[in-house]
N, C-alpha and C. Protein backbone atom coordinates (compact mmCIF):
# COMPACT_ATOMS: atom_id res chain seq x y z
N MET A 1 -64.44 -153.59 141.26
CA MET A 1 -65.80 -153.61 141.77
C MET A 1 -66.12 -154.96 142.40
N LYS A 2 -65.76 -156.06 141.71
CA LYS A 2 -66.01 -157.38 142.23
C LYS A 2 -65.25 -157.61 143.52
N LYS A 3 -64.00 -157.07 143.58
CA LYS A 3 -63.18 -157.22 144.78
C LYS A 3 -63.85 -156.55 145.98
N ASN A 4 -64.36 -155.33 145.79
CA ASN A 4 -65.03 -154.61 146.88
C ASN A 4 -66.27 -155.35 147.37
N LEU A 5 -67.05 -155.88 146.44
CA LEU A 5 -68.24 -156.62 146.79
C LEU A 5 -67.88 -157.89 147.56
N LEU A 6 -66.84 -158.55 147.10
CA LEU A 6 -66.36 -159.75 147.78
C LEU A 6 -65.91 -159.44 149.20
N TRP A 7 -65.20 -158.31 149.37
CA TRP A 7 -64.76 -157.90 150.71
C TRP A 7 -65.95 -157.56 151.60
N GLU A 8 -66.93 -156.89 151.05
CA GLU A 8 -68.13 -156.54 151.83
C GLU A 8 -68.87 -157.80 152.29
N ILE A 9 -68.98 -158.77 151.38
CA ILE A 9 -69.63 -160.02 151.74
C ILE A 9 -68.84 -160.74 152.82
N LEU A 10 -67.52 -160.78 152.65
CA LEU A 10 -66.64 -161.45 153.62
C LEU A 10 -66.74 -160.79 155.00
N ILE A 11 -66.74 -159.47 155.03
CA ILE A 11 -66.84 -158.74 156.30
C ILE A 11 -68.20 -159.00 156.95
N THR A 12 -69.26 -159.00 156.16
CA THR A 12 -70.60 -159.28 156.68
C THR A 12 -70.67 -160.67 157.29
N VAL A 13 -70.10 -161.66 156.60
CA VAL A 13 -70.10 -163.04 157.10
C VAL A 13 -69.32 -163.12 158.41
N VAL A 14 -68.18 -162.47 158.48
CA VAL A 14 -67.37 -162.49 159.71
C VAL A 14 -68.14 -161.84 160.86
N ILE A 15 -68.79 -160.72 160.58
CA ILE A 15 -69.57 -160.04 161.63
C ILE A 15 -70.68 -160.95 162.12
N LEU A 16 -71.37 -161.62 161.20
CA LEU A 16 -72.43 -162.54 161.59
C LEU A 16 -71.89 -163.71 162.41
N ILE A 17 -70.77 -164.26 161.98
CA ILE A 17 -70.18 -165.40 162.69
C ILE A 17 -69.79 -165.01 164.11
N VAL A 18 -69.29 -163.80 164.27
CA VAL A 18 -68.87 -163.34 165.60
C VAL A 18 -70.07 -162.92 166.45
N SER A 19 -71.07 -162.27 165.85
CA SER A 19 -72.16 -161.71 166.64
C SER A 19 -73.21 -162.75 167.04
N VAL A 20 -73.43 -163.77 166.24
CA VAL A 20 -74.46 -164.77 166.59
C VAL A 20 -74.15 -165.45 167.91
N PRO A 21 -72.93 -165.97 168.14
CA PRO A 21 -72.66 -166.57 169.45
C PRO A 21 -72.81 -165.58 170.61
N ILE A 22 -72.46 -164.32 170.37
CA ILE A 22 -72.60 -163.31 171.42
C ILE A 22 -74.08 -163.11 171.75
N LEU A 23 -74.92 -163.04 170.72
CA LEU A 23 -76.36 -162.88 170.94
C LEU A 23 -76.95 -164.10 171.64
N ILE A 24 -76.50 -165.28 171.24
CA ILE A 24 -76.98 -166.51 171.88
C ILE A 24 -76.56 -166.52 173.35
N LEU A 25 -75.31 -166.16 173.62
CA LEU A 25 -74.81 -166.11 174.99
C LEU A 25 -75.59 -165.10 175.82
N ALA A 26 -75.88 -163.95 175.23
CA ALA A 26 -76.64 -162.92 175.95
C ALA A 26 -78.04 -163.43 176.29
N GLU A 27 -78.69 -164.10 175.34
CA GLU A 27 -80.03 -164.65 175.57
C GLU A 27 -79.99 -165.75 176.63
N THR A 28 -78.97 -166.60 176.58
CA THR A 28 -78.81 -167.67 177.57
C THR A 28 -78.60 -167.09 178.96
N ASN A 29 -77.78 -166.05 179.06
CA ASN A 29 -77.56 -165.40 180.36
C ASN A 29 -78.85 -164.77 180.89
N LYS A 30 -79.65 -164.19 179.98
CA LYS A 30 -80.93 -163.59 180.38
C LYS A 30 -81.86 -164.68 180.93
N GLU A 31 -81.94 -165.83 180.24
CA GLU A 31 -82.78 -166.93 180.70
C GLU A 31 -82.27 -167.49 182.02
N SER A 32 -80.95 -167.60 182.17
CA SER A 32 -80.37 -168.11 183.42
C SER A 32 -80.69 -167.16 184.57
N LYS A 33 -80.55 -165.87 184.32
CA LYS A 33 -80.84 -164.87 185.35
C LYS A 33 -82.31 -164.96 185.76
N GLU A 34 -83.21 -165.08 184.78
CA GLU A 34 -84.64 -165.18 185.05
C GLU A 34 -84.94 -166.44 185.86
N SER A 35 -84.27 -167.53 185.53
CA SER A 35 -84.45 -168.78 186.25
C SER A 35 -84.02 -168.65 187.71
N VAL A 36 -82.91 -167.97 187.95
CA VAL A 36 -82.42 -167.76 189.32
C VAL A 36 -83.40 -166.89 190.10
N VAL A 37 -83.89 -165.83 189.46
CA VAL A 37 -84.86 -164.94 190.11
C VAL A 37 -86.11 -165.72 190.49
N GLN A 38 -86.59 -166.57 189.57
CA GLN A 38 -87.78 -167.37 189.83
C GLN A 38 -87.54 -168.33 190.99
N GLU A 39 -86.41 -169.01 191.01
CA GLU A 39 -86.11 -169.96 192.10
C GLU A 39 -86.03 -169.26 193.45
N LEU A 40 -85.41 -168.08 193.48
CA LEU A 40 -85.33 -167.32 194.74
C LEU A 40 -86.73 -166.90 195.21
N LEU A 41 -87.58 -166.49 194.26
CA LEU A 41 -88.94 -166.10 194.62
C LEU A 41 -89.72 -167.30 195.16
N ILE A 42 -89.58 -168.46 194.52
CA ILE A 42 -90.26 -169.66 195.00
C ILE A 42 -89.82 -169.98 196.42
N GLN A 43 -88.54 -169.85 196.71
CA GLN A 43 -88.04 -170.09 198.07
C GLN A 43 -88.64 -169.09 199.05
N ARG A 44 -88.68 -167.81 198.66
CA ARG A 44 -89.25 -166.79 199.55
C ARG A 44 -90.74 -167.06 199.81
N ILE A 45 -91.46 -167.41 198.76
CA ILE A 45 -92.88 -167.71 198.92
C ILE A 45 -93.06 -168.87 199.89
N ALA A 46 -92.26 -169.91 199.73
CA ALA A 46 -92.34 -171.07 200.63
C ALA A 46 -92.03 -170.66 202.07
N GLU A 47 -91.03 -169.82 202.27
CA GLU A 47 -90.68 -169.37 203.62
C GLU A 47 -91.81 -168.56 204.24
N TYR A 48 -92.40 -167.65 203.46
CA TYR A 48 -93.52 -166.86 203.98
C TYR A 48 -94.69 -167.77 204.36
N CYS A 49 -94.97 -168.76 203.51
CA CYS A 49 -96.08 -169.68 203.79
C CYS A 49 -95.81 -170.51 205.04
N GLN A 50 -94.57 -170.95 205.22
CA GLN A 50 -94.23 -171.72 206.42
C GLN A 50 -94.44 -170.89 207.69
N LYS A 51 -94.20 -169.59 207.59
CA LYS A 51 -94.40 -168.69 208.73
C LYS A 51 -95.87 -168.29 208.88
N GLY A 52 -96.70 -168.67 207.90
CA GLY A 52 -98.10 -168.28 207.95
C GLY A 52 -98.36 -166.89 207.41
N ASP A 53 -97.35 -166.28 206.78
CA ASP A 53 -97.49 -164.94 206.22
C ASP A 53 -97.92 -165.05 204.75
N PHE A 54 -99.16 -165.51 204.55
CA PHE A 54 -99.67 -165.75 203.20
C PHE A 54 -99.85 -164.46 202.42
N ASP A 55 -100.21 -163.37 203.10
CA ASP A 55 -100.42 -162.10 202.40
C ASP A 55 -99.15 -161.62 201.72
N THR A 56 -98.01 -161.74 202.40
CA THR A 56 -96.74 -161.32 201.79
C THR A 56 -96.37 -162.24 200.64
N ALA A 57 -96.58 -163.53 200.82
CA ALA A 57 -96.28 -164.49 199.76
C ALA A 57 -97.14 -164.19 198.52
N ILE A 58 -98.41 -163.91 198.75
CA ILE A 58 -99.33 -163.60 197.65
C ILE A 58 -98.92 -162.30 196.96
N LYS A 59 -98.56 -161.31 197.75
CA LYS A 59 -98.14 -160.02 197.19
C LYS A 59 -96.90 -160.20 196.30
N GLU A 60 -95.91 -160.95 196.78
CA GLU A 60 -94.68 -161.17 196.00
C GLU A 60 -94.98 -161.92 194.71
N ALA A 61 -95.83 -162.94 194.80
CA ALA A 61 -96.18 -163.72 193.60
C ALA A 61 -96.91 -162.84 192.59
N ASN A 62 -97.87 -162.05 193.06
CA ASN A 62 -98.61 -161.19 192.14
C ASN A 62 -97.74 -160.11 191.51
N THR A 63 -96.78 -159.58 192.27
CA THR A 63 -95.86 -158.59 191.72
C THR A 63 -95.04 -159.21 190.59
N TYR A 64 -94.55 -160.41 190.80
CA TYR A 64 -93.78 -161.10 189.77
C TYR A 64 -94.66 -161.38 188.55
N LEU A 65 -95.90 -161.80 188.78
CA LEU A 65 -96.79 -162.16 187.69
C LEU A 65 -97.23 -160.95 186.85
N GLU A 66 -97.12 -159.74 187.40
CA GLU A 66 -97.43 -158.56 186.61
C GLU A 66 -96.52 -158.47 185.39
N ALA A 67 -95.25 -158.82 185.57
CA ALA A 67 -94.29 -158.79 184.45
C ALA A 67 -94.22 -160.12 183.71
N ASN A 68 -94.61 -161.21 184.37
CA ASN A 68 -94.51 -162.55 183.79
C ASN A 68 -95.83 -163.29 184.02
N PRO A 69 -96.92 -162.85 183.38
CA PRO A 69 -98.26 -163.37 183.72
C PRO A 69 -98.48 -164.85 183.41
N ASN A 70 -97.65 -165.44 182.58
CA ASN A 70 -97.86 -166.83 182.18
C ASN A 70 -96.88 -167.80 182.82
N ASN A 71 -96.25 -167.38 183.91
CA ASN A 71 -95.26 -168.23 184.56
C ASN A 71 -95.97 -169.31 185.38
N LEU A 72 -95.88 -170.54 184.91
CA LEU A 72 -96.60 -171.66 185.52
C LEU A 72 -96.19 -171.88 186.97
N GLU A 73 -94.90 -171.90 187.26
CA GLU A 73 -94.42 -172.17 188.62
C GLU A 73 -94.98 -171.17 189.62
N ILE A 74 -94.95 -169.91 189.27
CA ILE A 74 -95.43 -168.89 190.21
C ILE A 74 -96.95 -168.92 190.31
N LEU A 75 -97.64 -169.19 189.20
CA LEU A 75 -99.10 -169.33 189.27
C LEU A 75 -99.48 -170.46 190.22
N MET A 76 -98.77 -171.58 190.15
CA MET A 76 -99.09 -172.70 191.04
C MET A 76 -98.78 -172.36 192.49
N ARG A 77 -97.67 -171.67 192.74
CA ARG A 77 -97.35 -171.28 194.12
C ARG A 77 -98.40 -170.31 194.65
N LEU A 78 -98.87 -169.41 193.78
CA LEU A 78 -99.91 -168.46 194.19
C LEU A 78 -101.19 -169.21 194.54
N ALA A 79 -101.57 -170.17 193.71
CA ALA A 79 -102.78 -170.97 193.99
C ALA A 79 -102.62 -171.71 195.32
N GLU A 80 -101.44 -172.25 195.58
CA GLU A 80 -101.19 -172.96 196.84
C GLU A 80 -101.29 -172.02 198.03
N CYS A 81 -100.82 -170.77 197.87
CA CYS A 81 -100.97 -169.78 198.95
C CYS A 81 -102.44 -169.52 199.23
N TYR A 82 -103.23 -169.36 198.17
CA TYR A 82 -104.66 -169.13 198.35
C TYR A 82 -105.32 -170.34 199.02
N ILE A 83 -104.89 -171.54 198.66
CA ILE A 83 -105.44 -172.74 199.30
C ILE A 83 -105.14 -172.70 200.80
N SER A 84 -103.89 -172.40 201.13
CA SER A 84 -103.48 -172.35 202.54
C SER A 84 -104.25 -171.29 203.31
N LYS A 85 -104.56 -170.20 202.64
CA LYS A 85 -105.29 -169.09 203.26
C LYS A 85 -106.80 -169.35 203.27
N LEU A 86 -107.20 -170.45 202.63
CA LEU A 86 -108.61 -170.83 202.48
C LEU A 86 -109.40 -169.84 201.64
N ASP A 87 -108.71 -169.15 200.74
CA ASP A 87 -109.40 -168.30 199.77
C ASP A 87 -109.57 -169.15 198.51
N LEU A 88 -110.55 -170.05 198.57
CA LEU A 88 -110.68 -171.09 197.55
C LEU A 88 -111.19 -170.56 196.22
N THR A 89 -111.88 -169.42 196.22
CA THR A 89 -112.31 -168.82 194.96
C THR A 89 -111.10 -168.34 194.17
N LEU A 90 -110.20 -167.61 194.83
CA LEU A 90 -108.99 -167.14 194.15
C LEU A 90 -108.06 -168.31 193.82
N ALA A 91 -108.01 -169.30 194.68
CA ALA A 91 -107.19 -170.48 194.41
C ALA A 91 -107.66 -171.16 193.13
N GLU A 92 -108.98 -171.34 193.02
CA GLU A 92 -109.54 -172.00 191.83
C GLU A 92 -109.30 -171.16 190.58
N GLY A 93 -109.50 -169.85 190.67
CA GLY A 93 -109.27 -168.98 189.51
C GLY A 93 -107.82 -169.01 189.05
N THR A 94 -106.89 -169.02 189.99
CA THR A 94 -105.47 -169.05 189.65
C THR A 94 -105.10 -170.41 189.05
N ALA A 95 -105.60 -171.48 189.63
CA ALA A 95 -105.32 -172.81 189.10
C ALA A 95 -105.93 -172.98 187.71
N LYS A 96 -107.12 -172.42 187.49
CA LYS A 96 -107.75 -172.48 186.16
C LYS A 96 -106.91 -171.73 185.14
N LYS A 97 -106.35 -170.60 185.54
CA LYS A 97 -105.49 -169.85 184.62
C LYS A 97 -104.28 -170.70 184.24
N ALA A 98 -103.65 -171.35 185.22
CA ALA A 98 -102.49 -172.19 184.95
C ALA A 98 -102.87 -173.33 184.01
N LEU A 99 -104.03 -173.95 184.25
CA LEU A 99 -104.49 -175.05 183.40
C LEU A 99 -104.88 -174.55 182.01
N GLY A 100 -105.41 -173.36 181.93
CA GLY A 100 -105.75 -172.78 180.63
C GLY A 100 -104.51 -172.57 179.78
N LEU A 101 -103.42 -172.17 180.42
CA LEU A 101 -102.16 -171.95 179.71
C LEU A 101 -101.44 -173.26 179.40
N TYR A 102 -101.54 -174.21 180.33
CA TYR A 102 -100.81 -175.48 180.22
C TYR A 102 -101.78 -176.63 180.52
N PRO A 103 -102.70 -176.94 179.60
CA PRO A 103 -103.80 -177.86 179.90
C PRO A 103 -103.39 -179.29 180.25
N ASP A 104 -102.28 -179.76 179.78
CA ASP A 104 -101.87 -181.13 180.07
C ASP A 104 -100.72 -181.22 181.07
N ASN A 105 -100.40 -180.11 181.69
CA ASN A 105 -99.28 -180.09 182.62
C ASN A 105 -99.65 -180.81 183.92
N ALA A 106 -98.86 -181.82 184.27
CA ALA A 106 -99.16 -182.64 185.46
C ALA A 106 -99.18 -181.80 186.73
N SER A 107 -98.27 -180.86 186.86
CA SER A 107 -98.24 -180.03 188.07
C SER A 107 -99.45 -179.11 188.17
N ALA A 108 -99.87 -178.56 187.03
CA ALA A 108 -101.06 -177.70 187.03
C ALA A 108 -102.30 -178.51 187.37
N LEU A 109 -102.38 -179.73 186.85
CA LEU A 109 -103.51 -180.62 187.18
C LEU A 109 -103.50 -180.97 188.67
N ARG A 110 -102.31 -181.22 189.22
CA ARG A 110 -102.21 -181.53 190.66
C ARG A 110 -102.70 -180.34 191.48
N THR A 111 -102.30 -179.13 191.09
CA THR A 111 -102.71 -177.94 191.83
C THR A 111 -104.22 -177.78 191.80
N MET A 112 -104.83 -178.01 190.63
CA MET A 112 -106.29 -177.91 190.54
C MET A 112 -106.95 -178.99 191.39
N ALA A 113 -106.38 -180.19 191.40
CA ALA A 113 -106.92 -181.26 192.24
C ALA A 113 -106.86 -180.87 193.71
N LEU A 114 -105.77 -180.21 194.11
CA LEU A 114 -105.64 -179.77 195.51
C LEU A 114 -106.71 -178.73 195.86
N VAL A 115 -107.02 -177.85 194.90
CA VAL A 115 -108.08 -176.87 195.13
C VAL A 115 -109.41 -177.59 195.38
N HIS A 116 -109.73 -178.55 194.52
CA HIS A 116 -111.00 -179.26 194.67
C HIS A 116 -111.02 -180.15 195.92
N LYS A 117 -109.88 -180.72 196.26
CA LYS A 117 -109.81 -181.51 197.50
C LYS A 117 -110.10 -180.61 198.70
N ARG A 118 -109.52 -179.42 198.69
CA ARG A 118 -109.73 -178.49 199.80
C ARG A 118 -111.17 -177.98 199.84
N GLN A 119 -111.78 -177.80 198.64
CA GLN A 119 -113.18 -177.41 198.60
C GLN A 119 -114.05 -178.50 199.22
N PHE A 120 -113.70 -179.75 198.97
CA PHE A 120 -114.41 -180.87 199.59
C PHE A 120 -114.26 -180.79 201.11
N GLU A 121 -113.02 -180.61 201.57
CA GLU A 121 -112.76 -180.59 203.02
C GLU A 121 -113.48 -179.44 203.72
N ALA A 122 -113.58 -178.30 203.05
CA ALA A 122 -114.18 -177.12 203.67
C ALA A 122 -115.68 -177.00 203.40
N GLY A 123 -116.20 -177.86 202.53
CA GLY A 123 -117.58 -177.73 202.09
C GLY A 123 -118.60 -178.10 203.16
N LYS A 124 -119.78 -177.57 202.98
CA LYS A 124 -120.91 -177.85 203.88
C LYS A 124 -122.00 -178.63 203.15
N ASP A 125 -122.21 -178.32 201.89
CA ASP A 125 -123.26 -178.94 201.09
C ASP A 125 -122.77 -180.29 200.55
N ASP A 126 -123.49 -181.37 200.84
CA ASP A 126 -123.06 -182.71 200.46
C ASP A 126 -122.90 -182.88 198.95
N GLU A 127 -123.81 -182.29 198.18
CA GLU A 127 -123.75 -182.42 196.72
C GLU A 127 -122.50 -181.71 196.17
N LEU A 128 -122.22 -180.51 196.67
CA LEU A 128 -121.03 -179.78 196.22
C LEU A 128 -119.75 -180.49 196.67
N LYS A 129 -119.79 -181.06 197.86
CA LYS A 129 -118.62 -181.81 198.35
C LYS A 129 -118.34 -183.01 197.44
N ARG A 130 -119.41 -183.74 197.08
CA ARG A 130 -119.25 -184.91 196.21
C ARG A 130 -118.68 -184.49 194.85
N LYS A 131 -119.23 -183.40 194.30
CA LYS A 131 -118.76 -182.89 193.00
C LYS A 131 -117.29 -182.49 193.08
N SER A 132 -116.90 -181.79 194.15
CA SER A 132 -115.51 -181.36 194.32
C SER A 132 -114.57 -182.56 194.41
N LEU A 133 -115.00 -183.58 195.16
CA LEU A 133 -114.16 -184.77 195.32
C LEU A 133 -114.01 -185.53 194.01
N ASN A 134 -115.08 -185.62 193.23
CA ASN A 134 -114.99 -186.28 191.92
C ASN A 134 -114.07 -185.51 190.97
N LEU A 135 -114.17 -184.18 190.99
CA LEU A 135 -113.26 -183.37 190.16
C LEU A 135 -111.82 -183.58 190.60
N ALA A 136 -111.60 -183.57 191.91
CA ALA A 136 -110.25 -183.79 192.44
C ALA A 136 -109.69 -185.13 191.99
N GLN A 137 -110.53 -186.16 192.04
CA GLN A 137 -110.08 -187.49 191.62
C GLN A 137 -109.69 -187.49 190.14
N ASP A 138 -110.54 -186.92 189.29
CA ASP A 138 -110.25 -186.87 187.85
C ASP A 138 -108.93 -186.15 187.58
N GLU A 139 -108.76 -184.99 188.24
CA GLU A 139 -107.56 -184.18 187.99
C GLU A 139 -106.30 -184.85 188.52
N ILE A 140 -106.37 -185.47 189.69
CA ILE A 140 -105.16 -186.09 190.24
C ILE A 140 -104.78 -187.31 189.42
N GLU A 141 -105.76 -188.03 188.92
CA GLU A 141 -105.45 -189.19 188.08
C GLU A 141 -104.83 -188.77 186.76
N LYS A 142 -105.31 -187.67 186.17
CA LYS A 142 -104.69 -187.12 184.95
C LYS A 142 -103.26 -186.67 185.26
N SER A 143 -103.09 -186.03 186.40
CA SER A 143 -101.76 -185.57 186.81
C SER A 143 -100.79 -186.74 186.93
N LEU A 144 -101.25 -187.81 187.55
CA LEU A 144 -100.39 -188.98 187.75
C LEU A 144 -100.11 -189.72 186.44
N ARG A 145 -101.01 -189.64 185.48
CA ARG A 145 -100.71 -190.21 184.16
C ARG A 145 -99.58 -189.43 183.51
N GLY A 146 -99.54 -188.12 183.75
CA GLY A 146 -98.48 -187.28 183.20
C GLY A 146 -97.17 -187.40 183.95
N ASP A 147 -97.25 -187.62 185.26
CA ASP A 147 -96.03 -187.72 186.09
C ASP A 147 -96.30 -188.64 187.27
N PRO A 148 -96.13 -189.96 187.07
CA PRO A 148 -96.40 -190.91 188.15
C PRO A 148 -95.37 -190.84 189.28
N ASN A 149 -94.27 -190.11 189.07
CA ASN A 149 -93.23 -190.01 190.08
C ASN A 149 -93.34 -188.75 190.94
N ASP A 150 -94.50 -188.12 190.94
CA ASP A 150 -94.74 -186.94 191.76
C ASP A 150 -95.27 -187.41 193.12
N SER A 151 -94.42 -187.39 194.13
CA SER A 151 -94.81 -187.90 195.45
C SER A 151 -95.97 -187.11 196.04
N TRP A 152 -96.01 -185.80 195.80
CA TRP A 152 -97.09 -184.97 196.33
C TRP A 152 -98.42 -185.34 195.68
N ALA A 153 -98.39 -185.63 194.38
CA ALA A 153 -99.62 -186.03 193.69
C ALA A 153 -100.08 -187.40 194.18
N GLN A 154 -99.14 -188.30 194.41
CA GLN A 154 -99.49 -189.62 194.94
C GLN A 154 -100.13 -189.48 196.32
N ALA A 155 -99.57 -188.61 197.15
CA ALA A 155 -100.12 -188.40 198.49
C ALA A 155 -101.52 -187.77 198.41
N ALA A 156 -101.70 -186.81 197.50
CA ALA A 156 -103.02 -186.20 197.33
C ALA A 156 -104.03 -187.24 196.84
N ALA A 157 -103.59 -188.11 195.92
CA ALA A 157 -104.47 -189.18 195.44
C ALA A 157 -104.88 -190.09 196.60
N ALA A 158 -103.92 -190.41 197.46
CA ALA A 158 -104.21 -191.27 198.62
C ALA A 158 -105.28 -190.63 199.51
N GLN A 159 -105.17 -189.33 199.74
CA GLN A 159 -106.17 -188.64 200.56
C GLN A 159 -107.54 -188.64 199.90
N ILE A 160 -107.55 -188.41 198.59
CA ILE A 160 -108.83 -188.39 197.86
C ILE A 160 -109.49 -189.77 197.96
N TYR A 161 -108.71 -190.83 197.75
CA TYR A 161 -109.26 -192.19 197.85
C TYR A 161 -109.71 -192.49 199.29
N PHE A 162 -108.99 -191.95 200.26
CA PHE A 162 -109.37 -192.09 201.67
C PHE A 162 -110.76 -191.48 201.89
N TYR A 163 -110.95 -190.26 201.37
CA TYR A 163 -112.25 -189.60 201.52
C TYR A 163 -113.36 -190.38 200.81
N GLN A 164 -113.00 -191.12 199.78
CA GLN A 164 -113.99 -191.93 199.05
C GLN A 164 -114.14 -193.32 199.67
N SER A 165 -113.45 -193.57 200.76
CA SER A 165 -113.47 -194.87 201.45
C SER A 165 -112.99 -196.01 200.55
N ASN A 166 -112.06 -195.69 199.66
CA ASN A 166 -111.48 -196.69 198.75
C ASN A 166 -110.09 -197.07 199.28
N LYS A 167 -110.07 -197.95 200.27
CA LYS A 167 -108.82 -198.29 200.92
C LYS A 167 -107.78 -198.92 199.99
N PRO A 168 -108.15 -199.84 199.09
CA PRO A 168 -107.13 -200.42 198.20
C PRO A 168 -106.40 -199.36 197.36
N LYS A 169 -107.16 -198.42 196.77
CA LYS A 169 -106.52 -197.37 195.97
C LYS A 169 -105.71 -196.41 196.86
N ALA A 170 -106.25 -196.11 198.05
CA ALA A 170 -105.54 -195.22 198.97
C ALA A 170 -104.21 -195.84 199.37
N LEU A 171 -104.22 -197.13 199.69
CA LEU A 171 -102.98 -197.82 200.07
C LEU A 171 -101.97 -197.84 198.93
N LYS A 172 -102.45 -198.10 197.73
CA LYS A 172 -101.55 -198.15 196.57
C LYS A 172 -100.89 -196.78 196.34
N ALA A 173 -101.69 -195.71 196.42
CA ALA A 173 -101.17 -194.36 196.20
C ALA A 173 -100.19 -193.95 197.30
N ILE A 174 -100.52 -194.26 198.57
CA ILE A 174 -99.63 -193.83 199.64
C ILE A 174 -98.34 -194.64 199.63
N GLU A 175 -98.41 -195.91 199.25
CA GLU A 175 -97.19 -196.71 199.11
C GLU A 175 -96.28 -196.13 198.03
N ALA A 176 -96.89 -195.69 196.91
CA ALA A 176 -96.10 -195.05 195.85
C ALA A 176 -95.47 -193.76 196.35
N ALA A 177 -96.23 -192.96 197.11
CA ALA A 177 -95.70 -191.70 197.64
C ALA A 177 -94.54 -191.96 198.60
N LEU A 178 -94.70 -192.95 199.47
CA LEU A 178 -93.64 -193.27 200.44
C LEU A 178 -92.40 -193.82 199.75
N LYS A 179 -92.60 -194.57 198.69
CA LYS A 179 -91.46 -195.09 197.93
C LYS A 179 -90.68 -193.95 197.29
N LEU A 180 -91.39 -192.93 196.81
CA LEU A 180 -90.75 -191.79 196.16
C LEU A 180 -90.11 -190.84 197.16
N ASP A 181 -90.71 -190.70 198.35
CA ASP A 181 -90.22 -189.73 199.34
C ASP A 181 -90.43 -190.30 200.75
N PRO A 182 -89.60 -191.29 201.13
CA PRO A 182 -89.84 -192.02 202.39
C PRO A 182 -89.65 -191.20 203.67
N GLN A 183 -88.95 -190.08 203.60
CA GLN A 183 -88.68 -189.29 204.81
C GLN A 183 -89.65 -188.13 205.00
N ASN A 184 -90.61 -187.98 204.12
CA ASN A 184 -91.52 -186.84 204.16
C ASN A 184 -92.56 -187.04 205.28
N ASP A 185 -92.52 -186.16 206.28
CA ASP A 185 -93.43 -186.28 207.43
C ASP A 185 -94.90 -186.11 207.04
N TYR A 186 -95.17 -185.25 206.09
CA TYR A 186 -96.55 -185.04 205.64
C TYR A 186 -97.10 -186.34 205.05
N ILE A 187 -96.31 -186.98 204.21
CA ILE A 187 -96.73 -188.24 203.59
C ILE A 187 -96.86 -189.33 204.65
N LYS A 188 -95.96 -189.35 205.62
CA LYS A 188 -96.06 -190.32 206.71
C LYS A 188 -97.37 -190.14 207.50
N GLY A 189 -97.77 -188.87 207.69
CA GLY A 189 -99.01 -188.59 208.40
C GLY A 189 -100.23 -189.11 207.64
N ILE A 190 -100.22 -188.92 206.33
CA ILE A 190 -101.31 -189.44 205.50
C ILE A 190 -101.33 -190.97 205.58
N ASN A 191 -100.15 -191.58 205.57
CA ASN A 191 -100.05 -193.03 205.67
C ASN A 191 -100.71 -193.53 206.96
N LYS A 192 -100.43 -192.88 208.09
CA LYS A 192 -101.06 -193.26 209.36
C LYS A 192 -102.58 -193.18 209.27
N GLN A 193 -103.05 -192.12 208.66
CA GLN A 193 -104.49 -191.92 208.49
C GLN A 193 -105.09 -193.08 207.68
N ILE A 194 -104.43 -193.44 206.61
CA ILE A 194 -104.94 -194.50 205.73
C ILE A 194 -104.84 -195.87 206.41
N GLN A 195 -103.77 -196.09 207.13
CA GLN A 195 -103.60 -197.38 207.82
C GLN A 195 -104.69 -197.61 208.86
N SER A 196 -105.26 -196.52 209.37
CA SER A 196 -106.31 -196.62 210.38
C SER A 196 -107.68 -196.91 209.78
N MET A 197 -107.76 -196.93 208.45
CA MET A 197 -109.07 -197.21 207.81
C MET A 197 -109.51 -198.63 208.13
N PRO A 198 -110.82 -198.83 208.33
CA PRO A 198 -111.31 -200.19 208.59
C PRO A 198 -111.20 -201.08 207.34
């Protein structure tokens, strides 16, 4: 009786030893596959946006989010599509969802700052414009505290400071952005704008 029990325990241990690595490998492959799918989708969204086909980019992002509603990367890309399309209500709602899920995430804060910066740029009412710009400043500064090496956040900060007529801060931010990404034409364009400040 003891021999049979010992054999059963031994067989169970062997099965566990063999099956655990297989299960881990299967889970790792699933995560790798999901990561590849996400990266391909991000590339497609970027391509659609470059062509100005925001509706297709938005449709693809929303389709993916139906199965993966808490995916930060796709939520941010979706918010950026809405910003580009000037659908600032949906952009803000999407960015708020990302921030609600990941409140201290530097990229989510940057995306929300971009929404508020765009609201400032598109605004008509001076009070709302001022409020949007102040929100954008708070969010971009929080973003940069979380990730000071984000060239896009540095460039956005430079633009926000430009709009506030704060040339010293604008110069500091754009210099940081150029140091991080010296060949970026978008950042170079912002630099020209800031250099022209009185």
